[in-house]
Amino acid sequence: MLQIKTSLDWANIETEITRLGNTLPMFKHDIKRICESIRPEITTLSKLELENRRQQTSTTARKCREQADKINETLKLFQKFHLMALLGQ
């Protein structure tokens, strides 16, 4: 299961998404766009993580968790999309 805990996880997850995309060549463009839409969210998460390391407050930690949860929801949606596309073949 694809899941983000920190912004550093994105490199591995993007590689995995691309690998999964290669199993569905007809959706390759869509998968590329999904990755492009997640990148700004990862950048935001990275900035929040930096802020959390500087301030170390519960508020900044909560913001990091919320951003990671938001990205994870998108990744869950991608996994459902990928499963439906595989079943549809």
N, C-alpha and C. Protein backbone atom coordinates (compact mmCIF):
# COMPACT_ATOMS: atom_id res chain seq x y z
N MET A 1 0.84 -1.18 0.00
CA MET A 1 0.00 0.00 0.00
C MET A 1 0.89 1.24 0.00
N LEU A 2 0.55 2.16 -0.85
CA LEU A 2 1.30 3.41 -0.94
C LEU A 2 0.84 4.35 0.16
N GLN A 3 1.81 4.85 0.91
CA GLN A 3 1.46 5.76 1.99
C GLN A 3 2.64 6.68 2.30
N ILE A 4 2.32 7.96 2.50
CA ILE A 4 3.32 8.98 2.82
C ILE A 4 3.35 9.17 4.34
N LYS A 5 4.54 9.11 4.90
CA LYS A 5 4.72 9.48 6.30
C LYS A 5 5.50 10.79 6.38
N THR A 6 6.51 10.92 5.52
CA THR A 6 7.28 12.17 5.42
C THR A 6 7.45 12.50 3.94
N SER A 7 7.87 13.70 3.66
CA SER A 7 8.06 14.10 2.27
C SER A 7 9.17 13.31 1.59
N LEU A 8 10.05 12.72 2.37
CA LEU A 8 11.14 11.92 1.81
C LEU A 8 10.64 10.62 1.19
N ASP A 9 9.46 10.19 1.57
CA ASP A 9 8.87 8.97 1.01
C ASP A 9 8.42 9.13 -0.44
N TRP A 10 8.29 10.37 -0.89
CA TRP A 10 7.72 10.62 -2.20
C TRP A 10 8.53 10.00 -3.34
N ALA A 11 9.84 10.03 -3.27
CA ALA A 11 10.66 9.49 -4.36
C ALA A 11 10.34 8.01 -4.60
N ASN A 12 10.23 7.23 -3.53
CA ASN A 12 9.91 5.81 -3.67
C ASN A 12 8.48 5.61 -4.17
N ILE A 13 7.57 6.40 -3.66
CA ILE A 13 6.18 6.25 -4.06
C ILE A 13 5.97 6.67 -5.51
N GLU A 14 6.63 7.73 -5.93
CA GLU A 14 6.51 8.15 -7.33
C GLU A 14 7.04 7.07 -8.26
N THR A 15 8.14 6.44 -7.87
CA THR A 15 8.69 5.34 -8.67
C THR A 15 7.69 4.19 -8.73
N GLU A 16 7.06 3.89 -7.62
CA GLU A 16 6.08 2.80 -7.58
C GLU A 16 4.85 3.14 -8.43
N ILE A 17 4.39 4.38 -8.36
CA ILE A 17 3.25 4.80 -9.18
C ILE A 17 3.59 4.67 -10.66
N THR A 18 4.79 5.09 -11.03
CA THR A 18 5.22 4.99 -12.42
C THR A 18 5.29 3.53 -12.85
N ARG A 19 5.80 2.68 -11.97
CA ARG A 19 5.88 1.25 -12.28
C ARG A 19 4.48 0.67 -12.47
N LEU A 20 3.56 1.04 -11.60
CA LEU A 20 2.18 0.58 -11.76
C LEU A 20 1.56 1.12 -13.03
N GLY A 21 1.92 2.34 -13.38
CA GLY A 21 1.42 2.95 -14.61
C GLY A 21 1.86 2.22 -15.85
N ASN A 22 3.02 1.60 -15.79
CA ASN A 22 3.51 0.85 -16.94
C ASN A 22 2.69 -0.41 -17.19
N THR A 23 1.93 -0.86 -16.20
CA THR A 23 1.06 -2.02 -16.40
C THR A 23 -0.21 -1.60 -17.14
N LEU A 24 -0.47 -0.31 -17.21
CA LEU A 24 -1.65 0.22 -17.89
C LEU A 24 -1.23 1.30 -18.89
N PRO A 25 -0.69 0.91 -20.03
CA PRO A 25 -0.17 1.91 -20.96
C PRO A 25 -1.22 2.92 -21.45
N MET A 26 -2.49 2.52 -21.49
CA MET A 26 -3.51 3.45 -21.99
C MET A 26 -3.76 4.60 -21.01
N PHE A 27 -3.35 4.44 -19.75
CA PHE A 27 -3.54 5.48 -18.74
C PHE A 27 -2.24 6.17 -18.35
N LYS A 28 -1.20 5.96 -19.12
CA LYS A 28 0.12 6.50 -18.78
C LYS A 28 0.08 8.02 -18.61
N HIS A 29 -0.62 8.70 -19.51
CA HIS A 29 -0.72 10.16 -19.43
C HIS A 29 -1.46 10.59 -18.15
N ASP A 30 -2.53 9.87 -17.82
CA ASP A 30 -3.29 10.20 -16.60
C ASP A 30 -2.44 10.01 -15.35
N ILE A 31 -1.66 8.96 -15.33
CA ILE A 31 -0.81 8.69 -14.17
C ILE A 31 0.26 9.76 -14.03
N LYS A 32 0.78 10.22 -15.15
CA LYS A 32 1.76 11.30 -15.12
C LYS A 32 1.12 12.56 -14.53
N ARG A 33 -0.10 12.84 -14.91
CA ARG A 33 -0.80 14.02 -14.39
C ARG A 33 -1.10 13.88 -12.89
N ILE A 34 -1.39 12.65 -12.46
CA ILE A 34 -1.63 12.42 -11.03
C ILE A 34 -0.36 12.75 -10.25
N CYS A 35 0.78 12.27 -10.73
CA CYS A 35 2.06 12.57 -10.06
C CYS A 35 2.33 14.07 -10.03
N GLU A 36 2.05 14.74 -11.14
CA GLU A 36 2.27 16.18 -11.20
C GLU A 36 1.35 16.93 -10.24
N SER A 37 0.16 16.40 -10.02
CA SER A 37 -0.76 17.08 -9.10
C SER A 37 -0.39 16.83 -7.63
N ILE A 38 0.30 15.74 -7.36
CA ILE A 38 0.69 15.44 -5.98
C ILE A 38 1.96 16.20 -5.59
N ARG A 39 2.84 16.49 -6.55
CA ARG A 39 4.11 17.16 -6.24
C ARG A 39 3.96 18.45 -5.45
N PRO A 40 3.04 19.35 -5.81
CA PRO A 40 2.89 20.58 -4.99
C PRO A 40 2.47 20.28 -3.56
N GLU A 41 1.67 19.23 -3.38
CA GLU A 41 1.26 18.84 -2.03
C GLU A 41 2.46 18.32 -1.24
N ILE A 42 3.36 17.63 -1.91
CA ILE A 42 4.58 17.14 -1.26
C ILE A 42 5.46 18.32 -0.87
N THR A 43 5.54 19.32 -1.74
CA THR A 43 6.32 20.52 -1.43
C THR A 43 5.75 21.22 -0.20
N THR A 44 4.44 21.31 -0.13
CA THR A 44 3.80 21.90 1.04
C THR A 44 4.11 21.09 2.30
N LEU A 45 4.04 19.77 2.18
CA LEU A 45 4.37 18.91 3.32
C LEU A 45 5.81 19.12 3.76
N SER A 46 6.71 19.24 2.82
CA SER A 46 8.12 19.46 3.14
C SER A 46 8.31 20.77 3.91
N LYS A 47 7.64 21.81 3.46
CA LYS A 47 7.73 23.10 4.15
C LYS A 47 7.16 23.02 5.57
N LEU A 48 6.06 22.30 5.70
CA LEU A 48 5.46 22.13 7.03
C LEU A 48 6.38 21.32 7.94
N GLU A 49 7.06 20.34 7.38
CA GLU A 49 8.00 19.55 8.18
C GLU A 49 9.17 20.41 8.66
N LEU A 50 9.66 21.28 7.80
CA LEU A 50 10.72 22.21 8.21
C LEU A 50 10.23 23.12 9.33
N GLU A 51 9.04 23.63 9.16
CA GLU A 51 8.45 24.50 10.18
C GLU A 51 8.29 23.74 11.50
N ASN A 52 7.89 22.49 11.41
CA ASN A 52 7.71 21.68 12.61
C ASN A 52 9.05 21.42 13.31
N ARG A 53 10.10 21.20 12.54
CA ARG A 53 11.42 20.99 13.15
C ARG A 53 11.92 22.25 13.84
N ARG A 54 11.57 23.40 13.28
CA ARG A 54 12.01 24.66 13.88
C ARG A 54 11.24 24.98 15.15
N GLN A 55 9.92 24.85 15.09
CA GLN A 55 9.08 25.28 16.21
C GLN A 55 8.75 24.16 17.19
N GLN A 56 8.59 22.95 16.69
CA GLN A 56 8.26 21.78 17.51
C GLN A 56 7.07 22.02 18.43
N THR A 57 5.98 22.47 17.83
CA THR A 57 4.74 22.65 18.59
C THR A 57 3.72 21.63 18.11
N SER A 58 2.70 21.44 18.92
CA SER A 58 1.66 20.48 18.54
C SER A 58 0.87 20.96 17.33
N THR A 59 0.78 22.25 17.16
CA THR A 59 0.06 22.81 16.01
C THR A 59 0.77 22.49 14.70
N THR A 60 2.07 22.68 14.67
CA THR A 60 2.80 22.39 13.43
C THR A 60 2.83 20.89 13.16
N ALA A 61 2.92 20.08 14.20
CA ALA A 61 2.88 18.61 14.03
C ALA A 61 1.53 18.18 13.48
N ARG A 62 0.46 18.81 13.97
CA ARG A 62 -0.88 18.49 13.48
C ARG A 62 -1.04 18.86 12.01
N LYS A 63 -0.49 20.02 11.63
CA LYS A 63 -0.56 20.44 10.23
C LYS A 63 0.18 19.46 9.33
N CYS A 64 1.31 18.95 9.80
CA CYS A 64 2.06 17.95 9.02
C CYS A 64 1.24 16.69 8.83
N ARG A 65 0.63 16.23 9.91
CA ARG A 65 -0.20 15.02 9.83
C ARG A 65 -1.39 15.22 8.90
N GLU A 66 -2.01 16.39 8.98
CA GLU A 66 -3.16 16.67 8.12
C GLU A 66 -2.76 16.69 6.65
N GLN A 67 -1.61 17.29 6.35
CA GLN A 67 -1.13 17.34 4.97
C GLN A 67 -0.79 15.94 4.48
N ALA A 68 -0.14 15.15 5.31
CA ALA A 68 0.19 13.77 4.93
C ALA A 68 -1.10 12.96 4.72
N ASP A 69 -2.10 13.18 5.56
CA ASP A 69 -3.38 12.48 5.39
C ASP A 69 -4.06 12.87 4.08
N LYS A 70 -3.96 14.13 3.74
CA LYS A 70 -4.54 14.61 2.48
C LYS A 70 -3.87 13.92 1.29
N ILE A 71 -2.57 13.82 1.32
CA ILE A 71 -1.83 13.14 0.25
C ILE A 71 -2.17 11.66 0.23
N ASN A 72 -2.28 11.05 1.40
CA ASN A 72 -2.61 9.63 1.47
C ASN A 72 -4.00 9.34 0.91
N GLU A 73 -4.93 10.26 1.08
CA GLU A 73 -6.26 10.09 0.49
C GLU A 73 -6.16 10.07 -1.04
N THR A 74 -5.34 10.94 -1.58
CA THR A 74 -5.13 10.96 -3.03
C THR A 74 -4.49 9.66 -3.50
N LEU A 75 -3.53 9.16 -2.73
CA LEU A 75 -2.88 7.89 -3.09
C LEU A 75 -3.86 6.73 -3.01
N LYS A 76 -4.76 6.73 -2.03
CA LYS A 76 -5.78 5.69 -1.94
C LYS A 76 -6.70 5.74 -3.16
N LEU A 77 -7.05 6.94 -3.57
CA LEU A 77 -7.89 7.11 -4.75
C LEU A 77 -7.17 6.57 -5.99
N PHE A 78 -5.87 6.85 -6.11
CA PHE A 78 -5.10 6.32 -7.23
C PHE A 78 -5.10 4.79 -7.20
N GLN A 79 -4.92 4.20 -6.03
CA GLN A 79 -4.89 2.75 -5.93
C GLN A 79 -6.23 2.14 -6.35
N LYS A 80 -7.33 2.79 -5.98
CA LYS A 80 -8.65 2.32 -6.41
C LYS A 80 -8.80 2.43 -7.92
N PHE A 81 -8.34 3.55 -8.46
CA PHE A 81 -8.37 3.77 -9.91
C PHE A 81 -7.56 2.68 -10.62
N HIS A 82 -6.39 2.38 -10.10
CA HIS A 82 -5.52 1.38 -10.71
C HIS A 82 -6.18 0.00 -10.65
N LEU A 83 -6.78 -0.35 -9.53
CA LEU A 83 -7.44 -1.63 -9.39
C LEU A 83 -8.61 -1.76 -10.36
N MET A 84 -9.41 -0.70 -10.46
CA MET A 84 -10.55 -0.74 -11.39
C MET A 84 -10.08 -0.87 -12.83
N ALA A 85 -9.01 -0.20 -13.18
CA ALA A 85 -8.47 -0.30 -14.54
C ALA A 85 -7.95 -1.71 -14.81
N LEU A 86 -7.31 -2.32 -13.83
CA LEU A 86 -6.83 -3.70 -14.02
C LEU A 86 -8.01 -4.67 -14.17
N LEU A 87 -9.03 -4.47 -13.36
CA LEU A 87 -10.20 -5.36 -13.45
C LEU A 87 -10.95 -5.14 -14.75
N GLY A 88 -10.88 -3.95 -15.30
CA GLY A 88 -11.57 -3.63 -16.53
C GLY A 88 -10.90 -4.16 -17.79
N GLN A 89 -9.71 -4.65 -17.65
CA GLN A 89 -9.00 -5.15 -18.84
C GLN A 89 -9.52 -6.50 -19.25
